[in-house]
C-alpha cells in the first residue's frame, strides 16, 4: 500500500486522542498517572504540541501492549513530512556513492 505523499501522516497524539484513550474508558488524568507523566504533558501530546519522545514511547508501549518503535516510527513519519516541506536543501548537493 502506498501513501499519498501530499497528506501529512497522523501525529501519535491524534491516534491517542481519537481512538486509543477513548477505547480504554479511562480519563486522561488516569492515563497520565499510569504513564508517569504530567497531565499537562499528556494534554500537549494529545493537542499535537509535543512529540512522542523515546522515553514516552516506551511508556506508551508498555501501557497499551505494543512496541516503542510503533510510536517512534509514527512520530518520525510526522516529523519527516514536515521537515521535507520546511527545510531548505537547495544548497545541499546530492552525492553518488560508488558501490
Protein backbone atom coordinates (compact mmCIF):
# COMPACT_ATOMS: atom_id res chain seq x y z
CA UNK A 1 0.00 0.00 0.00
CA UNK A 2 1.40 3.40 -0.98
CA UNK A 3 0.80 6.57 0.97
CA UNK A 4 -0.18 9.82 -0.65
CA UNK A 5 2.94 11.95 -0.09
CA UNK A 6 0.81 15.10 -0.09
CA UNK A 7 -1.12 14.00 3.00
CA UNK A 8 0.50 14.56 6.37
CA UNK A 9 0.99 11.36 8.40
CA UNK A 10 -1.01 11.13 11.61
CA UNK A 11 0.57 12.61 14.72
CA UNK A 12 0.64 9.99 17.51
CA UNK A 13 -1.31 12.40 19.70
CA UNK A 14 -4.23 12.27 17.27
CA UNK A 15 -4.32 8.47 17.43
CA UNK A 16 -4.18 8.60 21.23
CA UNK A 17 -6.85 11.32 21.42
CA UNK A 18 -9.29 9.96 18.84
CA UNK A 19 -9.01 6.19 19.29
CA UNK A 20 -6.75 4.74 21.94
CA UNK A 21 -7.62 6.63 25.13
CA UNK A 22 -11.33 6.65 24.35
CA UNK A 23 -11.27 2.85 23.89
CA UNK A 24 -9.79 2.34 27.37
CA UNK A 25 -12.70 4.03 29.13
CA UNK A 26 -10.19 5.79 31.38
CA UNK A 27 -9.84 9.52 31.93
CA UNK A 28 -6.90 11.46 30.57
CA UNK A 29 -5.78 12.10 34.15
CA UNK A 30 -5.76 8.34 34.83
CA UNK A 31 -3.79 7.68 31.63
CA UNK A 32 -1.25 10.37 32.54
CA UNK A 33 -0.86 8.89 36.01
CA UNK A 34 -0.41 5.37 34.64
CA UNK A 35 2.18 6.64 32.16
CA UNK A 36 4.04 8.51 34.91
CA UNK A 37 3.81 11.85 33.07
CA UNK A 38 2.05 15.06 33.99
CA UNK A 39 -1.48 15.77 32.81
CA UNK A 40 -0.09 18.82 31.02
CA UNK A 41 2.46 16.67 29.15
CA UNK A 42 -0.29 14.30 28.04
CA UNK A 43 -2.51 17.24 27.09
CA UNK A 44 0.32 18.68 24.95
CA UNK A 45 0.78 15.29 23.22
CA UNK A 46 -2.94 14.98 22.54
CA UNK A 47 -3.04 18.56 21.20
CA UNK A 48 -0.08 17.67 18.93
CA UNK A 49 2.07 20.38 20.51
CA UNK A 50 4.69 17.92 21.75
CA UNK A 51 6.29 14.97 20.01
CA UNK A 52 6.34 11.47 21.45
CA UNK A 53 9.86 11.13 22.85
CA UNK A 54 11.60 7.74 23.01
CA UNK A 55 11.01 7.72 26.79
CA UNK A 56 7.29 8.32 26.39
CA UNK A 57 7.17 5.79 23.52
CA UNK A 58 8.46 3.12 25.92
CA UNK A 59 5.77 4.08 28.45
CA UNK A 60 3.00 4.10 25.82
CA UNK A 61 4.13 0.71 24.51
CA UNK A 62 4.05 -0.81 27.99
CA UNK A 63 0.64 0.66 28.81
CA UNK A 64 -1.03 -0.27 25.54
CA UNK A 65 0.76 -3.57 24.90
CA UNK A 66 2.62 -2.71 21.72
CA UNK A 67 6.18 -1.76 20.77
CA UNK A 68 8.04 1.51 21.36
CA UNK A 69 9.03 1.56 17.69
CA UNK A 70 5.35 1.83 16.74
CA UNK A 71 5.17 5.22 18.46
CA UNK A 72 8.67 6.31 17.41
CA UNK A 73 8.05 5.47 13.75
CA UNK A 74 4.72 7.25 13.79
CA UNK A 75 6.33 10.37 15.28
CA UNK A 76 9.26 10.09 12.85
CA UNK A 77 6.96 9.93 9.82
CA UNK A 78 5.10 13.01 11.04
CA UNK A 79 8.32 14.93 11.74
CA UNK A 80 9.97 13.94 8.44
CA UNK A 81 6.91 15.00 6.43
CA UNK A 82 7.04 18.47 7.99
CA UNK A 83 10.83 18.74 7.67
CA UNK A 84 10.67 17.91 3.95
CA UNK A 85 8.36 20.87 3.49
CA UNK A 86 10.17 23.34 5.75
CA UNK A 87 13.91 22.71 5.44
CA UNK A 88 15.70 24.47 2.59
CA UNK A 89 18.06 21.94 1.00
CA UNK A 90 18.64 23.91 -2.21
CA UNK A 91 22.31 24.41 -1.28
CA UNK A 92 22.95 20.77 -0.39
CA UNK A 93 24.41 18.64 -3.18
CA UNK A 94 23.46 15.02 -3.79
CA UNK A 95 26.43 12.65 -3.74
CA UNK A 96 26.52 9.45 -5.71
CA UNK A 97 28.38 6.83 -3.69
CA UNK A 98 30.18 4.14 -5.69
CA UNK A 99 29.30 0.59 -4.80
